[in-house]
Protein backbone atom coordinates (compact mmCIF):
# COMPACT_ATOMS: atom_id res chain seq x y z
CA MET A 1 -0.02 0.00 0.00
CA THR A 2 2.81 2.40 0.88
CA LEU A 3 4.58 1.83 -2.45
CA LEU A 4 1.38 2.53 -4.37
CA LYS A 5 0.77 5.67 -2.29
CA THR A 6 4.33 6.86 -2.89
CA CYS A 7 4.04 6.21 -6.66
CA LEU A 8 0.77 8.13 -6.88
CA ILE A 9 2.12 11.10 -4.94
CA SER A 10 5.24 11.16 -7.13
CA PHE A 11 3.14 10.89 -10.28
CA PHE A 12 0.82 13.75 -9.34
CA ALA A 13 3.74 15.91 -8.17
CA MET A 14 5.47 15.38 -11.51
CA ILE A 15 2.28 16.37 -13.38
CA ALA A 16 1.90 19.51 -11.22
CA LEU A 17 5.51 20.54 -11.77
CA THR A 18 5.31 19.87 -15.52
CA ALA A 19 2.11 21.88 -15.85
CA THR A 20 3.61 24.77 -13.86
CA ALA A 21 6.81 24.80 -15.89
CA ALA A 22 5.00 24.48 -19.23
CA THR A 23 2.38 27.17 -18.60
CA PRO A 24 3.54 30.45 -20.11
CA PRO A 25 2.73 33.73 -18.34
CA THR A 26 -0.68 35.28 -18.80
CA LEU A 27 -1.54 38.91 -19.49
CA ASN A 28 -2.47 39.38 -15.87
CA ASP A 29 1.21 38.87 -15.06
CA ILE A 30 2.34 41.66 -17.42
CA ASP A 31 5.77 41.85 -15.74
CA ARG A 32 6.54 38.31 -16.88
CA PHE A 33 4.63 38.27 -20.17
CA SER A 34 6.61 39.27 -23.25
CA PHE A 35 5.84 40.04 -26.88
CA VAL A 36 9.47 39.20 -27.60
CA ASN A 37 9.14 35.70 -26.19
CA MET A 38 5.67 34.86 -27.59
CA GLN A 39 5.23 31.22 -28.48
CA ASN A 40 4.34 30.09 -32.03
CA ASP A 41 0.81 29.04 -30.99
CA THR A 42 0.16 32.53 -29.51
CA THR A 43 -1.39 35.69 -30.88
CA ILE A 44 -2.28 38.87 -29.11
CA SER A 45 -5.08 41.11 -30.37
CA VAL A 46 -4.79 44.73 -29.33
CA SER A 47 -8.12 46.55 -29.68
CA PHE A 48 -7.69 50.28 -29.32
CA THR A 49 -9.86 53.36 -29.09
CA SER A 50 -8.08 56.70 -29.12
CA ALA A 51 -9.78 60.05 -28.67
CA GLY A 52 -8.63 63.57 -28.18
CA CYS A 53 -9.55 67.15 -28.99
CA PHE A 54 -9.10 66.65 -32.73
CA HIS A 55 -9.25 62.91 -33.35
CA TYR A 56 -11.10 59.69 -32.77
CA GLU A 57 -9.95 56.36 -34.06
CA SER A 58 -10.30 52.70 -33.25
CA GLY A 59 -9.15 49.39 -34.64
CA VAL A 60 -7.57 46.04 -33.92
CA MET A 61 -3.95 44.96 -34.38
CA THR A 62 -3.04 41.28 -34.18
CA PHE A 63 0.47 40.29 -33.16
CA THR A 64 2.19 36.93 -33.79
CA PRO A 65 5.77 36.21 -32.72
CA GLU A 66 7.10 37.87 -35.89
CA THR A 67 4.29 39.91 -37.48
CA VAL A 68 1.52 42.40 -36.85
CA ALA A 69 -1.68 42.62 -38.90
CA TYR A 70 -3.89 45.67 -39.17
CA GLY A 71 -6.82 45.82 -41.57
CA ASP A 72 -5.98 43.58 -44.49
CA GLU A 73 -2.21 44.05 -44.30
CA THR A 74 0.46 42.13 -42.38
CA LYS A 75 3.97 43.42 -41.73
CA THR A 76 7.05 41.87 -40.15
CA VAL A 77 7.97 43.30 -36.74
CA GLY A 78 11.56 43.22 -35.46
CA PHE A 79 12.91 42.45 -32.04
CA GLU A 80 13.47 46.11 -31.16
CA ASP A 81 9.84 47.05 -31.84
CA MET A 82 8.50 44.02 -29.90
CA ALA A 83 10.81 44.86 -26.95
CA GLY A 84 9.61 48.48 -27.14
CA VAL A 85 5.94 47.36 -26.97
CA ASP A 86 6.85 45.21 -23.94
CA LYS A 87 8.47 48.20 -22.19
CA TYR A 88 5.51 50.48 -23.04
CA LEU A 89 2.88 48.04 -21.72
CA ARG A 90 4.79 47.29 -18.52
CA ASN A 91 5.21 50.99 -17.83
CA LEU A 92 1.56 51.65 -18.63
CA ALA A 93 0.34 48.77 -16.38
CA HIS A 94 2.22 50.21 -13.43
CA LYS A 95 0.59 53.63 -13.97
CA GLN A 96 -3.00 52.43 -14.01
CA GLY A 97 -5.10 54.39 -11.52
CA GLN A 98 -2.85 57.44 -11.65
CA LEU A 99 -3.94 60.73 -13.19
CA GLY A 100 -2.35 61.22 -16.59
CA GLY A 101 -3.23 64.78 -17.56
CA CYS A 102 -3.14 64.39 -21.33
CA THR A 103 -6.07 65.63 -23.46
CA SER A 104 -5.81 62.50 -25.61
CA SER A 105 -6.70 59.11 -24.16
CA THR A 106 -6.25 55.63 -25.57
CA THR A 107 -7.89 52.49 -24.22
CA LEU A 108 -6.15 49.27 -25.13
CA THR A 109 -7.72 45.83 -24.65
CA LEU A 110 -5.16 43.05 -25.05
CA THR A 111 -6.52 39.57 -25.72
CA LEU A 112 -4.13 36.66 -25.45
CA ASN A 113 -4.99 33.73 -27.71
CA ARG A 114 -3.46 30.28 -27.73
CA ASP A 115 -4.34 27.81 -30.47
CA GLY A 116 -7.08 30.17 -31.54
CA GLN A 117 -8.79 30.36 -28.13
CA ALA A 118 -8.85 33.46 -25.96
CA VAL A 119 -7.16 32.61 -22.67
CA GLY A 120 -6.75 36.06 -21.08
CA GLN A 121 -7.61 39.69 -21.40
CA LYS A 122 -6.34 42.93 -19.95
CA THR A 123 -7.53 46.50 -20.47
CA LEU A 124 -5.17 49.45 -20.03
CA ARG A 125 -5.78 53.18 -20.35
CA ASP A 126 -3.15 55.61 -21.56
CA ASP A 127 -3.68 59.28 -20.90
CA PHE A 128 -0.04 60.06 -20.24
CA CYS A 129 1.69 62.38 -22.71
CA PHE A 130 5.19 60.98 -22.63
CA ARG A 131 7.25 58.02 -23.75
CA GLU A 132 10.53 56.95 -22.31
CA ASP A 133 13.41 55.95 -24.57
CA GLY A 134 12.83 52.56 -26.14
CA MET A 135 9.06 52.53 -25.57
CA VAL A 136 6.89 51.72 -28.59
CA SER A 137 3.13 52.19 -28.21
CA PRO A 138 0.99 49.96 -30.42
CA ASP A 139 -0.51 53.17 -31.84
CA SER A 140 2.88 54.60 -32.94
CA LEU A 141 3.89 51.17 -34.35
CA ARG A 142 0.63 51.05 -36.34
CA TYR A 143 1.21 54.51 -37.75
CA ARG A 144 4.84 53.83 -38.66
CA LEU A 145 4.21 50.44 -40.27
CA PHE A 146 0.83 50.96 -41.93
CA GLU A 147 0.06 54.65 -42.39
CA GLN A 148 3.21 56.77 -42.53
CA GLU A 149 4.23 55.80 -46.07
CA GLU A 150 0.73 56.49 -47.38
CA ALA A 151 0.61 59.86 -45.58
CA GLU A 152 3.98 60.82 -47.04
CA GLN A 153 2.84 59.81 -50.54
CA LEU A 154 -0.35 61.87 -50.21
CA SER A 155 1.66 64.91 -49.10
CA LEU A 156 3.83 64.57 -52.22
CA ILE A 157 0.73 64.44 -54.43
CA LYS A 158 -0.64 67.60 -52.86
CA LYS A 159 2.55 69.57 -53.65
């Protein structure tokens, strides 16, 4: 009986340790979660709504370990940009509940998906008017990758 009991305890302990080691961080643990270290079966959807005195926009960006999609386009994202998004979101998460003071405000809802299933969600609000070195907001990344070139081409046409 004791041998069977010992085997069962060892078996269940091994399963618990394996499950703990194999479970990647969730969005609720934003200090451990990382865009840079996303697994291949993982995507993160970032729904955003941004409003200010002279603008209102909303949309969804979907990140994979190497790309970001917005609308019907997909672009490759490098390590530096993914690390910058990590830094921005960690900083923003730590400022939740503080007064920001900016006239523009962006609400981000991050949805973590594994194998096509939503497994976590976190909403952050950004009404802070500054960025530290190395920070990349999803909004600035979207503009640079998907809209800046078009805006520059339109400005050339108008000249």
